[in-house]
Amino acid sequence: MAKNKIETFDQFADQVAGMFRDQNDFLSEKFEQIDERFEKVDERFDRMDDRFDKMDIRLIRVEDKLDKIDKRLTKVEKDVTWIKEILEKHTTMLKDLDQERVFIINRVTRLEKELELIKKQLKVA
């Protein structure tokens, strides 16, 4: 009877060990599948990192181009300011000249009238 109990216990222990082996194999297989998935994910992340690196390079190029454009625009702004100042000075000069012209025309007209009066007084007309 004690032998039967020992044999039964050995059989039970073998069954339990077999179950653990089966579970261990199943878990090992699942972990291998998970490892494969992680490798694929790592590859995708590597590709994304490469893409981000390329984008960084492109953005640096764009930034350099924008800096050059900014320098050009700054120069153009200075030129526009210079031209605006010259135009304002010329506009002021033209306005002054126009006022002088109006004054001279009025003066000539007045002098012509005075000359006509003088001619009439001298009876030359």
C-alpha atoms as a PDB file:
ATOM      1  CA  MET A   1       0.000   0.000   0.000  1.00  0.00           C
ATOM      2  CA  ALA A   2       2.789   2.395   0.798  1.00  0.00           C
ATOM      3  CA  LYS A   3       4.299   1.476  -2.521  1.00  0.00           C
ATOM      4  CA  ASN A   4       1.047   2.361  -4.282  1.00  0.00           C
ATOM      5  CA  LYS A   5       0.927   5.683  -2.551  1.00  0.00           C
ATOM      6  CA  ILE A   6       4.510   6.392  -3.561  1.00  0.00           C
ATOM      7  CA  GLU A   7       3.843   5.329  -7.148  1.00  0.00           C
ATOM      8  CA  THR A   8       0.674   7.419  -7.217  1.00  0.00           C
ATOM      9  CA  PHE A   9       2.589  10.355  -5.805  1.00  0.00           C
ATOM     10  CA  ASP A  10       5.377   9.870  -8.389  1.00  0.00           C
ATOM     11  CA  GLN A  11       2.799   9.741 -11.172  1.00  0.00           C
ATOM     12  CA  PHE A  12       1.126  12.874  -9.844  1.00  0.00           C
ATOM     13  CA  ALA A  13       4.512  14.607  -9.588  1.00  0.00           C
ATOM     14  CA  ASP A  14       5.300  13.578 -13.172  1.00  0.00           C
ATOM     15  CA  GLN A  15       1.955  14.931 -14.338  1.00  0.00           C
ATOM     16  CA  VAL A  16       2.523  18.224 -12.519  1.00  0.00           C
ATOM     17  CA  ALA A  17       6.059  18.472 -13.890  1.00  0.00           C
ATOM     18  CA  GLY A  18       4.727  17.747 -17.386  1.00  0.00           C
ATOM     19  CA  MET A  19       2.147  20.498 -16.987  1.00  0.00           C
ATOM     20  CA  PHE A  20       4.832  22.933 -15.876  1.00  0.00           C
ATOM     21  CA  ARG A  21       7.039  21.881 -18.800  1.00  0.00           C
ATOM     22  CA  ASP A  22       4.141  22.384 -21.205  1.00  0.00           C
ATOM     23  CA  GLN A  23       3.364  25.766 -19.671  1.00  0.00           C
ATOM     24  CA  ASN A  24       7.040  26.696 -19.735  1.00  0.00           C
ATOM     25  CA  ASP A  25       7.273  25.747 -23.419  1.00  0.00           C
ATOM     26  CA  PHE A  26       4.071  27.682 -24.148  1.00  0.00           C
ATOM     27  CA  LEU A  27       5.372  30.720 -22.259  1.00  0.00           C
ATOM     28  CA  SER A  28       8.763  30.485 -23.947  1.00  0.00           C
ATOM     29  CA  GLU A  29       7.029  30.397 -27.328  1.00  0.00           C
ATOM     30  CA  LYS A  30       4.891  33.420 -26.417  1.00  0.00           C
ATOM     31  CA  PHE A  31       7.952  35.341 -25.203  1.00  0.00           C
ATOM     32  CA  GLU A  32       9.730  34.546 -28.478  1.00  0.00           C
ATOM     33  CA  GLN A  33       6.735  35.919 -30.379  1.00  0.00           C
ATOM     34  CA  ILE A  34       6.743  39.028 -28.204  1.00  0.00           C
ATOM     35  CA  ASP A  35      10.499  39.422 -28.778  1.00  0.00           C
ATOM     36  CA  GLU A  36       9.926  39.211 -32.545  1.00  0.00           C
ATOM     37  CA  ARG A  37       7.239  41.864 -32.321  1.00  0.00           C
ATOM     38  CA  PHE A  38       9.526  44.111 -30.304  1.00  0.00           C
ATOM     39  CA  GLU A  39      12.252  43.654 -32.924  1.00  0.00           C
ATOM     40  CA  LYS A  40       9.800  44.779 -35.607  1.00  0.00           C
ATOM     41  CA  VAL A  41       8.792  47.749 -33.460  1.00  0.00           C
ATOM     42  CA  ASP A  42      12.471  48.580 -32.896  1.00  0.00           C
ATOM     43  CA  GLU A  43      13.057  48.482 -36.659  1.00  0.00           C
ATOM     44  CA  ARG A  44      10.126  50.825 -37.201  1.00  0.00           C
ATOM     45  CA  PHE A  45      11.445  53.182 -34.552  1.00  0.00           C
ATOM     46  CA  ASP A  46      14.868  53.094 -36.206  1.00  0.00           C
ATOM     47  CA  ARG A  47      13.250  54.044 -39.531  1.00  0.00           C
ATOM     48  CA  MET A  48      11.332  56.825 -37.801  1.00  0.00           C
ATOM     49  CA  ASP A  49      14.532  58.062 -36.173  1.00  0.00           C
ATOM     50  CA  ASP A  50      16.167  58.150 -39.611  1.00  0.00           C
ATOM     51  CA  ARG A  51      13.224  60.113 -40.972  1.00  0.00           C
ATOM     52  CA  PHE A  52      13.420  62.553 -38.076  1.00  0.00           C
ATOM     53  CA  ASP A  53      17.151  62.973 -38.678  1.00  0.00           C
ATOM     54  CA  LYS A  54      16.458  63.736 -42.350  1.00  0.00           C
ATOM     55  CA  MET A  55      13.739  66.197 -41.337  1.00  0.00           C
ATOM     56  CA  ASP A  56      16.168  67.870 -38.936  1.00  0.00           C
ATOM     57  CA  ILE A  57      18.651  68.308 -41.782  1.00  0.00           C
ATOM     58  CA  ARG A  58      15.923  69.753 -44.014  1.00  0.00           C
ATOM     59  CA  LEU A  59      14.781  72.091 -41.267  1.00  0.00           C
ATOM     60  CA  ILE A  60      18.345  73.296 -40.755  1.00  0.00           C
ATOM     61  CA  ARG A  61      18.560  74.035 -44.497  1.00  0.00           C
ATOM     62  CA  VAL A  62      15.247  75.891 -44.375  1.00  0.00           C
ATOM     63  CA  GLU A  63      16.432  77.842 -41.342  1.00  0.00           C
ATOM     64  CA  ASP A  64      19.626  78.821 -43.187  1.00  0.00           C
ATOM     65  CA  LYS A  65      17.588  79.947 -46.192  1.00  0.00           C
ATOM     66  CA  LEU A  66      15.280  81.954 -43.940  1.00  0.00           C
ATOM     67  CA  ASP A  67      18.293  83.611 -42.323  1.00  0.00           C
ATOM     68  CA  LYS A  68      19.603  84.601 -45.761  1.00  0.00           C
ATOM     69  CA  ILE A  69      16.184  85.934 -46.737  1.00  0.00           C
ATOM     70  CA  ASP A  70      16.007  87.870 -43.471  1.00  0.00           C
ATOM     71  CA  LYS A  71      19.384  89.463 -44.201  1.00  0.00           C
ATOM     72  CA  ARG A  72      18.229  90.399 -47.700  1.00  0.00           C
ATOM     73  CA  LEU A  73      14.987  91.840 -46.358  1.00  0.00           C
ATOM     74  CA  THR A  74      16.901  93.860 -43.793  1.00  0.00           C
ATOM     75  CA  LYS A  75      19.051  95.295 -46.593  1.00  0.00           C
ATOM     76  CA  VAL A  76      15.949  96.026 -48.680  1.00  0.00           C
ATOM     77  CA  GLU A  77      14.326  97.753 -45.687  1.00  0.00           C
ATOM     78  CA  LYS A  78      17.397  99.959 -45.301  1.00  0.00           C
ATOM     79  CA  ASP A  79      17.315 100.765 -49.018  1.00  0.00           C
ATOM     80  CA  VAL A  80      13.595 101.528 -48.890  1.00  0.00           C
ATOM     81  CA  THR A  81      14.114 103.803 -45.900  1.00  0.00           C
ATOM     82  CA  TRP A  82      16.934 105.609 -47.730  1.00  0.00           C
ATOM     83  CA  ILE A  83      14.787 106.016 -50.864  1.00  0.00           C
ATOM     84  CA  LYS A  84      11.836 107.205 -48.787  1.00  0.00           C
ATOM     85  CA  GLU A  85      13.979 109.852 -47.118  1.00  0.00           C
ATOM     86  CA  ILE A  86      15.277 111.048 -50.495  1.00  0.00           C
ATOM     87  CA  LEU A  87      11.746 111.159 -51.902  1.00  0.00           C
ATOM     88  CA  GLU A  88      10.544 113.144 -48.890  1.00  0.00           C
ATOM     89  CA  LYS A  89      13.395 115.612 -49.354  1.00  0.00           C
ATOM     90  CA  HIS A  90      12.671 115.906 -53.084  1.00  0.00           C
ATOM     91  CA  THR A  91       8.952 116.278 -52.406  1.00  0.00           C
ATOM     92  CA  THR A  92       9.693 119.087 -49.995  1.00  0.00           C
ATOM     93  CA  MET A  93      12.012 120.697 -52.550  1.00  0.00           C
ATOM     94  CA  LEU A  94       9.384 120.370 -55.307  1.00  0.00           C
ATOM     95  CA  LYS A  95       6.756 121.836 -53.025  1.00  0.00           C
ATOM     96  CA  ASP A  96       9.051 124.767 -52.237  1.00  0.00           C
ATOM     97  CA  LEU A  97       9.848 125.182 -55.958  1.00  0.00           C
ATOM     98  CA  ASP A  98       6.167 125.098 -56.810  1.00  0.00           C
ATOM     99  CA  GLN A  99       5.487 127.797 -54.225  1.00  0.00           C
ATOM    100  CA  GLU A 100       8.364 129.821 -55.675  1.00  0.00           C
ATOM    101  CA  ARG A 101       6.936 129.334 -59.181  1.00  0.00           C
ATOM    102  CA  VAL A 102       3.491 130.530 -58.060  1.00  0.00           C
ATOM    103  CA  PHE A 103       5.092 133.494 -56.301  1.00  0.00           C
ATOM    104  CA  ILE A 104       7.180 134.335 -59.403  1.00  0.00           C
ATOM    105  CA  ILE A 105       4.171 134.032 -61.729  1.00  0.00           C
ATOM    106  CA  ASN A 106       2.165 136.342 -59.472  1.00  0.00           C
ATOM    107  CA  ARG A 107       5.081 138.743 -59.251  1.00  0.00           C
ATOM    108  CA  VAL A 108       5.546 138.735 -63.059  1.00  0.00           C
ATOM    109  CA  THR A 109       1.823 139.257 -63.556  1.00  0.00           C
ATOM    110  CA  ARG A 110       1.875 142.146 -61.089  1.00  0.00           C
ATOM    111  CA  LEU A 111       4.957 143.638 -62.753  1.00  0.00           C
ATOM    112  CA  GLU A 112       3.351 143.302 -66.200  1.00  0.00           C
ATOM    113  CA  LYS A 113       0.287 145.157 -64.921  1.00  0.00           C
ATOM    114  CA  GLU A 114       2.469 147.876 -63.389  1.00  0.00           C
ATOM    115  CA  LEU A 115       4.400 148.100 -66.655  1.00  0.00           C
ATOM    116  CA  GLU A 116       1.140 148.513 -68.552  1.00  0.00           C
ATOM    117  CA  LEU A 117       0.136 151.268 -66.134  1.00  0.00           C
ATOM    118  CA  ILE A 118       3.450 152.972 -66.586  1.00  0.00           C
ATOM    119  CA  LYS A 119       3.176 152.703 -70.397  1.00  0.00           C
ATOM    120  CA  LYS A 120      -0.315 154.213 -70.219  1.00  0.00           C
ATOM    121  CA  GLN A 121       0.991 157.021 -68.038  1.00  0.00           C
ATOM    122  CA  LEU A 122       3.745 157.676 -70.521  1.00  0.00           C
ATOM    123  CA  LYS A 123       1.254 157.372 -73.320  1.00  0.00           C
ATOM    124  CA  VAL A 124       3.400 154.906 -75.092  1.00  0.00           C
ATOM    125  CA  ALA A 125       0.825 152.262 -75.308  1.00  0.00           C
END
